[in-house]
């Protein structure tokens, strides 16, 4: 089986996905809700799609959203669907976990932190290796400040720099902070060999800006 197909199947498997009960916002978008546990009852606007939606399991603090199939304006042959896993964290834990950017309290913005990313490798590197790794990660990572309905946070993309060039991916992660909780998630937003047309990061940022933290469900 093609590597890309395997990835799509694994990421697309979401048994708790719920598409019912959404509110139509327009002919092409639907407002939906999911409960990922205390402090992470959320609403999100997703493009309407036959097998897409959002779901969550409050007992595990996790869930995900899917757009499947992609809108025609997004669609290209090698990437038929978009799936992001979601997790509800304590805000302080989310701050520690996000490994590609750090929060600058003076400017109240997130900035790319390549040193932090290198530390996640978990092993010592020589000065020469560090220099090479820094250059690779600095080129591969982009960071975005995100303002949603009633939260703010960060998103980042990182491009694969090793492995089979034909299957190198662009992956995206994010955290939205609504103290004392934060909603974090991630997924694949494109295949690098397919060029800029395969980059769905701008589409995901549009979705993230619609996220709203709601009062906890009774």
C-alpha atoms as a PDB file:
ATOM      1  CA  UNK A   1       0.000   0.000   0.000  1.00  0.00           C
ATOM      2  CA  UNK A   2       1.305   3.479  -0.846  1.00  0.00           C
ATOM      3  CA  UNK A   3       2.758   5.311   2.177  1.00  0.00           C
ATOM      4  CA  UNK A   4       0.428   8.260   1.647  1.00  0.00           C
ATOM      5  CA  UNK A   5      -2.609   5.996   1.643  1.00  0.00           C
ATOM      6  CA  UNK A   6      -1.500   4.385   4.907  1.00  0.00           C
ATOM      7  CA  UNK A   7      -1.127   7.800   6.539  1.00  0.00           C
ATOM      8  CA  UNK A   8      -4.555   8.905   5.326  1.00  0.00           C
ATOM      9  CA  UNK A   9      -6.198   5.742   6.639  1.00  0.00           C
ATOM     10  CA  UNK A  10      -4.554   5.987  10.061  1.00  0.00           C
ATOM     11  CA  UNK A  11      -5.210   9.680  10.511  1.00  0.00           C
ATOM     12  CA  UNK A  12      -8.716   9.422   9.141  1.00  0.00           C
ATOM     13  CA  UNK A  13      -9.876   6.771  11.609  1.00  0.00           C
ATOM     14  CA  UNK A  14     -12.079   8.514  14.156  1.00  0.00           C
ATOM     15  CA  UNK A  15     -14.782   6.214  15.576  1.00  0.00           C
ATOM     16  CA  UNK A  16     -16.233   8.910  17.839  1.00  0.00           C
ATOM     17  CA  UNK A  17     -16.787  11.406  15.024  1.00  0.00           C
ATOM     18  CA  UNK A  18     -20.115  13.204  15.282  1.00  0.00           C
ATOM     19  CA  UNK A  19     -21.690  15.065  12.394  1.00  0.00           C
ATOM     20  CA  UNK A  20     -25.210  15.363  13.734  1.00  0.00           C
ATOM     21  CA  UNK A  21     -26.522  18.377  15.602  1.00  0.00           C
ATOM     22  CA  UNK A  22     -24.462  20.976  13.747  1.00  0.00           C
ATOM     23  CA  UNK A  23     -25.834  24.362  12.797  1.00  0.00           C
ATOM     24  CA  UNK A  24     -25.500  25.455   9.196  1.00  0.00           C
ATOM     25  CA  UNK A  25     -23.591  28.741   8.975  1.00  0.00           C
ATOM     26  CA  UNK A  26     -23.698  28.967   5.194  1.00  0.00           C
ATOM     27  CA  UNK A  27     -24.077  26.672   2.229  1.00  0.00           C
ATOM     28  CA  UNK A  28     -20.499  25.508   2.718  1.00  0.00           C
ATOM     29  CA  UNK A  29     -19.831  25.644   6.480  1.00  0.00           C
ATOM     30  CA  UNK A  30     -21.330  24.149   9.625  1.00  0.00           C
ATOM     31  CA  UNK A  31     -20.976  25.147  13.274  1.00  0.00           C
ATOM     32  CA  UNK A  32     -20.425  22.071  15.464  1.00  0.00           C
ATOM     33  CA  UNK A  33     -19.723  21.303  19.122  1.00  0.00           C
ATOM     34  CA  UNK A  34     -17.636  18.688  20.914  1.00  0.00           C
ATOM     35  CA  UNK A  35     -16.891  17.954  24.559  1.00  0.00           C
ATOM     36  CA  UNK A  36     -13.265  17.031  25.258  1.00  0.00           C
ATOM     37  CA  UNK A  37     -13.628  17.240  29.023  1.00  0.00           C
ATOM     38  CA  UNK A  38     -13.850  19.896  31.702  1.00  0.00           C
ATOM     39  CA  UNK A  39     -12.789  23.270  30.325  1.00  0.00           C
ATOM     40  CA  UNK A  40     -12.684  21.987  26.750  1.00  0.00           C
ATOM     41  CA  UNK A  41     -16.289  22.066  25.574  1.00  0.00           C
ATOM     42  CA  UNK A  42     -15.774  23.751  22.218  1.00  0.00           C
ATOM     43  CA  UNK A  43     -17.538  24.907  19.081  1.00  0.00           C
ATOM     44  CA  UNK A  44     -15.865  25.056  15.690  1.00  0.00           C
ATOM     45  CA  UNK A  45     -16.905  25.924  12.147  1.00  0.00           C
ATOM     46  CA  UNK A  46     -15.955  23.326   9.552  1.00  0.00           C
ATOM     47  CA  UNK A  47     -16.570  23.129   5.816  1.00  0.00           C
ATOM     48  CA  UNK A  48     -19.603  20.941   5.245  1.00  0.00           C
ATOM     49  CA  UNK A  49     -18.506  17.458   4.181  1.00  0.00           C
ATOM     50  CA  UNK A  50     -20.299  14.148   3.890  1.00  0.00           C
ATOM     51  CA  UNK A  51     -18.063  12.169   6.244  1.00  0.00           C
ATOM     52  CA  UNK A  52     -16.503  15.028   8.185  1.00  0.00           C
ATOM     53  CA  UNK A  53     -17.232  16.583  11.559  1.00  0.00           C
ATOM     54  CA  UNK A  54     -15.849  16.791  15.063  1.00  0.00           C
ATOM     55  CA  UNK A  55     -16.002  14.475  18.043  1.00  0.00           C
ATOM     56  CA  UNK A  56     -14.588  14.111  21.525  1.00  0.00           C
ATOM     57  CA  UNK A  57     -14.346  11.760  24.470  1.00  0.00           C
ATOM     58  CA  UNK A  58     -14.504  13.762  27.724  1.00  0.00           C
ATOM     59  CA  UNK A  59     -13.285  10.822  29.795  1.00  0.00           C
ATOM     60  CA  UNK A  60      -9.977  10.818  27.892  1.00  0.00           C
ATOM     61  CA  UNK A  61      -9.787  14.537  27.079  1.00  0.00           C
ATOM     62  CA  UNK A  62      -9.259  13.835  23.413  1.00  0.00           C
ATOM     63  CA  UNK A  63     -11.001  13.958  20.063  1.00  0.00           C
ATOM     64  CA  UNK A  64     -10.529  15.210  16.546  1.00  0.00           C
ATOM     65  CA  UNK A  65     -12.020  16.945  13.539  1.00  0.00           C
ATOM     66  CA  UNK A  66     -12.158  15.854   9.928  1.00  0.00           C
ATOM     67  CA  UNK A  67     -13.021  17.439   6.602  1.00  0.00           C
ATOM     68  CA  UNK A  68     -13.846  14.589   4.236  1.00  0.00           C
ATOM     69  CA  UNK A  69     -14.043  15.043   1.334  1.00  0.00           C
ATOM     70  CA  UNK A  70     -12.244  18.337   0.974  1.00  0.00           C
ATOM     71  CA  UNK A  71     -14.104  21.240  -0.651  1.00  0.00           C
ATOM     72  CA  UNK A  72     -13.521  21.349  -4.387  1.00  0.00           C
ATOM     73  CA  UNK A  73     -11.576  24.597  -4.006  1.00  0.00           C
ATOM     74  CA  UNK A  74      -9.086  22.781  -1.721  1.00  0.00           C
ATOM     75  CA  UNK A  75      -8.953  19.426  -3.407  1.00  0.00           C
ATOM     76  CA  UNK A  76      -6.020  17.776  -5.103  1.00  0.00           C
ATOM     77  CA  UNK A  77      -5.624  14.143  -6.035  1.00  0.00           C
ATOM     78  CA  UNK A  78      -3.038  13.013  -3.464  1.00  0.00           C
ATOM     79  CA  UNK A  79      -4.728  14.516  -0.399  1.00  0.00           C
ATOM     80  CA  UNK A  80      -8.457  13.653  -0.270  1.00  0.00           C
ATOM     81  CA  UNK A  81      -9.146  14.495   3.400  1.00  0.00           C
ATOM     82  CA  UNK A  82      -7.945  16.542   6.365  1.00  0.00           C
ATOM     83  CA  UNK A  83      -7.820  15.150   9.897  1.00  0.00           C
ATOM     84  CA  UNK A  84      -6.548  16.753  13.121  1.00  0.00           C
ATOM     85  CA  UNK A  85      -6.319  14.989  16.456  1.00  0.00           C
ATOM     86  CA  UNK A  86      -7.257  17.120  19.486  1.00  0.00           C
ATOM     87  CA  UNK A  87      -6.265  16.971  23.168  1.00  0.00           C
ATOM     88  CA  UNK A  88      -7.354  19.023  26.178  1.00  0.00           C
ATOM     89  CA  UNK A  89      -4.437  19.980  28.460  1.00  0.00           C
ATOM     90  CA  UNK A  90      -3.892  22.126  31.508  1.00  0.00           C
ATOM     91  CA  UNK A  91      -2.602  25.421  30.110  1.00  0.00           C
ATOM     92  CA  UNK A  92       0.764  25.186  31.886  1.00  0.00           C
ATOM     93  CA  UNK A  93       1.368  21.711  30.505  1.00  0.00           C
ATOM     94  CA  UNK A  94       0.520  22.894  27.002  1.00  0.00           C
ATOM     95  CA  UNK A  95       3.075  25.698  27.362  1.00  0.00           C
ATOM     96  CA  UNK A  96       5.741  23.120  28.161  1.00  0.00           C
ATOM     97  CA  UNK A  97       4.697  20.705  25.434  1.00  0.00           C
ATOM     98  CA  UNK A  98       4.695  23.085  22.489  1.00  0.00           C
ATOM     99  CA  UNK A  99       8.165  22.447  21.091  1.00  0.00           C
ATOM    100  CA  UNK A 100       8.641  24.819  18.153  1.00  0.00           C
ATOM    101  CA  UNK A 101       7.912  28.228  19.679  1.00  0.00           C
ATOM    102  CA  UNK A 102       8.150  30.135  22.945  1.00  0.00           C
ATOM    103  CA  UNK A 103       5.892  32.850  24.307  1.00  0.00           C
ATOM    104  CA  UNK A 104       7.497  36.285  24.583  1.00  0.00           C
ATOM    105  CA  UNK A 105       5.776  37.907  27.555  1.00  0.00           C
ATOM    106  CA  UNK A 106       7.081  41.371  26.653  1.00  0.00           C
ATOM    107  CA  UNK A 107       5.479  41.422  23.206  1.00  0.00           C
ATOM    108  CA  UNK A 108       2.754  38.879  24.087  1.00  0.00           C
ATOM    109  CA  UNK A 109       3.521  36.962  20.909  1.00  0.00           C
ATOM    110  CA  UNK A 110       4.830  33.519  20.049  1.00  0.00           C
ATOM    111  CA  UNK A 111       8.208  33.291  18.345  1.00  0.00           C
ATOM    112  CA  UNK A 112       9.991  30.422  16.649  1.00  0.00           C
ATOM    113  CA  UNK A 113      12.353  28.636  19.053  1.00  0.00           C
ATOM    114  CA  UNK A 114      14.725  26.352  17.170  1.00  0.00           C
ATOM    115  CA  UNK A 115      16.766  25.615  20.310  1.00  0.00           C
ATOM    116  CA  UNK A 116      13.638  24.242  21.982  1.00  0.00           C
ATOM    117  CA  UNK A 117      12.967  22.007  18.978  1.00  0.00           C
ATOM    118  CA  UNK A 118      16.506  20.613  18.989  1.00  0.00           C
ATOM    119  CA  UNK A 119      16.242  19.792  22.702  1.00  0.00           C
ATOM    120  CA  UNK A 120      13.260  17.542  21.975  1.00  0.00           C
ATOM    121  CA  UNK A 121      15.579  15.211  20.055  1.00  0.00           C
ATOM    122  CA  UNK A 122      16.743  13.936  23.433  1.00  0.00           C
ATOM    123  CA  UNK A 123      20.435  13.459  22.693  1.00  0.00           C
ATOM    124  CA  UNK A 124      23.630  15.477  22.785  1.00  0.00           C
ATOM    125  CA  UNK A 125      24.967  16.913  19.534  1.00  0.00           C
ATOM    126  CA  UNK A 126      28.352  18.309  18.630  1.00  0.00           C
ATOM    127  CA  UNK A 127      28.724  22.011  17.777  1.00  0.00           C
ATOM    128  CA  UNK A 128      28.939  21.102  14.091  1.00  0.00           C
ATOM    129  CA  UNK A 129      25.837  18.901  14.275  1.00  0.00           C
ATOM    130  CA  UNK A 130      24.013  21.627  16.179  1.00  0.00           C
ATOM    131  CA  UNK A 131      24.814  24.164  13.475  1.00  0.00           C
ATOM    132  CA  UNK A 132      23.506  21.829  10.778  1.00  0.00           C
ATOM    133  CA  UNK A 133      20.374  20.912  12.750  1.00  0.00           C
ATOM    134  CA  UNK A 134      19.659  24.555  13.523  1.00  0.00           C
ATOM    135  CA  UNK A 135      19.826  25.486   9.835  1.00  0.00           C
ATOM    136  CA  UNK A 136      17.552  22.579   8.854  1.00  0.00           C
ATOM    137  CA  UNK A 137      14.908  23.254  11.532  1.00  0.00           C
ATOM    138  CA  UNK A 138      15.006  27.010  10.985  1.00  0.00           C
ATOM    139  CA  UNK A 139      14.175  26.442   7.329  1.00  0.00           C
ATOM    140  CA  UNK A 140      11.583  23.715   8.012  1.00  0.00           C
ATOM    141  CA  UNK A 141       9.539  25.469  10.733  1.00  0.00           C
ATOM    142  CA  UNK A 142       7.036  28.309  10.440  1.00  0.00           C
ATOM    143  CA  UNK A 143       5.183  29.837  13.397  1.00  0.00           C
ATOM    144  CA  UNK A 144       1.821  31.639  13.429  1.00  0.00           C
ATOM    145  CA  UNK A 145       0.125  33.599  16.187  1.00  0.00           C
ATOM    146  CA  UNK A 146      -3.569  32.659  16.294  1.00  0.00           C
ATOM    147  CA  UNK A 147      -6.513  34.611  17.686  1.00  0.00           C
ATOM    148  CA  UNK A 148      -9.727  32.595  17.950  1.00  0.00           C
ATOM    149  CA  UNK A 149     -13.191  33.597  19.217  1.00  0.00           C
ATOM    150  CA  UNK A 150     -12.288  33.731  22.923  1.00  0.00           C
ATOM    151  CA  UNK A 151      -8.763  32.360  23.074  1.00  0.00           C
ATOM    152  CA  UNK A 152      -5.292  32.995  21.708  1.00  0.00           C
ATOM    153  CA  UNK A 153      -2.452  30.691  20.895  1.00  0.00           C
ATOM    154  CA  UNK A 154       0.089  29.429  18.431  1.00  0.00           C
ATOM    155  CA  UNK A 155       0.339  27.155  15.423  1.00  0.00           C
ATOM    156  CA  UNK A 156       3.390  25.889  13.620  1.00  0.00           C
ATOM    157  CA  UNK A 157       4.259  23.858  10.569  1.00  0.00           C
ATOM    158  CA  UNK A 158       7.317  21.675  10.133  1.00  0.00           C
ATOM    159  CA  UNK A 159       8.442  20.077   6.901  1.00  0.00           C
ATOM    160  CA  UNK A 160      10.163  16.687   6.810  1.00  0.00           C
ATOM    161  CA  UNK A 161      13.838  17.067   5.943  1.00  0.00           C
ATOM    162  CA  UNK A 162      14.748  13.369   5.898  1.00  0.00           C
ATOM    163  CA  UNK A 163      13.261  10.189   4.464  1.00  0.00           C
ATOM    164  CA  UNK A 164      11.921   9.373   1.021  1.00  0.00           C
ATOM    165  CA  UNK A 165      11.584  12.683  -0.805  1.00  0.00           C
ATOM    166  CA  UNK A 166       8.420  11.485  -2.583  1.00  0.00           C
ATOM    167  CA  UNK A 167       6.557  11.124   0.727  1.00  0.00           C
ATOM    168  CA  UNK A 168       7.871  14.023   2.786  1.00  0.00           C
ATOM    169  CA  UNK A 169       5.074  15.737   4.667  1.00  0.00           C
ATOM    170  CA  UNK A 170       4.242  19.124   6.086  1.00  0.00           C
ATOM    171  CA  UNK A 171       2.805  18.680   9.578  1.00  0.00           C
ATOM    172  CA  UNK A 172       1.003  21.262  11.671  1.00  0.00           C
ATOM    173  CA  UNK A 173       0.467  21.588  15.405  1.00  0.00           C
ATOM    174  CA  UNK A 174      -1.336  24.165  17.504  1.00  0.00           C
ATOM    175  CA  UNK A 175      -2.417  25.140  21.014  1.00  0.00           C
ATOM    176  CA  UNK A 176      -5.217  27.576  21.888  1.00  0.00           C
ATOM    177  CA  UNK A 177      -5.127  28.845  25.474  1.00  0.00           C
ATOM    178  CA  UNK A 178      -8.257  29.473  27.520  1.00  0.00           C
ATOM    179  CA  UNK A 179      -6.890  29.262  31.076  1.00  0.00           C
ATOM    180  CA  UNK A 180      -6.864  27.069  32.993  1.00  0.00           C
ATOM    181  CA  UNK A 181      -7.125  24.843  29.906  1.00  0.00           C
ATOM    182  CA  UNK A 182      -5.670  24.672  26.422  1.00  0.00           C
ATOM    183  CA  UNK A 183      -6.824  22.841  23.313  1.00  0.00           C
ATOM    184  CA  UNK A 184      -3.949  21.381  21.301  1.00  0.00           C
ATOM    185  CA  UNK A 185      -3.864  19.310  18.157  1.00  0.00           C
ATOM    186  CA  UNK A 186      -2.045  18.352  15.023  1.00  0.00           C
ATOM    187  CA  UNK A 187      -2.191  16.708  11.646  1.00  0.00           C
ATOM    188  CA  UNK A 188      -0.719  16.528   8.162  1.00  0.00           C
ATOM    189  CA  UNK A 189      -1.398  19.583   5.986  1.00  0.00           C
ATOM    190  CA  UNK A 190       0.405  18.632   2.814  1.00  0.00           C
ATOM    191  CA  UNK A 191       3.024  16.685   0.905  1.00  0.00           C
ATOM    192  CA  UNK A 192       6.101  18.708   0.057  1.00  0.00           C
ATOM    193  CA  UNK A 193       6.701  17.248  -3.456  1.00  0.00           C
ATOM    194  CA  UNK A 194       3.221  18.451  -4.479  1.00  0.00           C
ATOM    195  CA  UNK A 195       4.326  22.067  -4.059  1.00  0.00           C
ATOM    196  CA  UNK A 196       2.465  25.070  -2.595  1.00  0.00           C
ATOM    197  CA  UNK A 197      -0.890  23.804  -3.903  1.00  0.00           C
ATOM    198  CA  UNK A 198      -0.754  20.987  -1.373  1.00  0.00           C
ATOM    199  CA  UNK A 199      -0.299  23.296   1.633  1.00  0.00           C
ATOM    200  CA  UNK A 200      -3.552  23.382   3.636  1.00  0.00           C
ATOM    201  CA  UNK A 201      -2.040  25.277   6.574  1.00  0.00           C
ATOM    202  CA  UNK A 202      -3.861  28.493   5.615  1.00  0.00           C
ATOM    203  CA  UNK A 203      -7.175  26.563   5.525  1.00  0.00           C
ATOM    204  CA  UNK A 204      -6.497  25.080   8.966  1.00  0.00           C
ATOM    205  CA  UNK A 205      -5.665  28.503  10.393  1.00  0.00           C
ATOM    206  CA  UNK A 206      -9.055  29.705   9.133  1.00  0.00           C
ATOM    207  CA  UNK A 207     -10.706  26.809  10.977  1.00  0.00           C
ATOM    208  CA  UNK A 208      -8.749  27.421  14.189  1.00  0.00           C
ATOM    209  CA  UNK A 209      -9.860  31.062  14.281  1.00  0.00           C
ATOM    210  CA  UNK A 210     -13.469  29.843  14.580  1.00  0.00           C
ATOM    211  CA  UNK A 211     -12.819  27.815  17.761  1.00  0.00           C
ATOM    212  CA  UNK A 212     -14.881  28.956  20.748  1.00  0.00           C
ATOM    213  CA  UNK A 213     -14.593  27.629  24.294  1.00  0.00           C
ATOM    214  CA  UNK A 214     -18.096  27.110  25.679  1.00  0.00           C
ATOM    215  CA  UNK A 215     -19.375  26.651  29.241  1.00  0.00           C
ATOM    216  CA  UNK A 216     -18.922  23.097  30.450  1.00  0.00           C
ATOM    217  CA  UNK A 217     -21.774  20.801  29.556  1.00  0.00           C
ATOM    218  CA  UNK A 218     -24.124  19.966  32.428  1.00  0.00           C
END
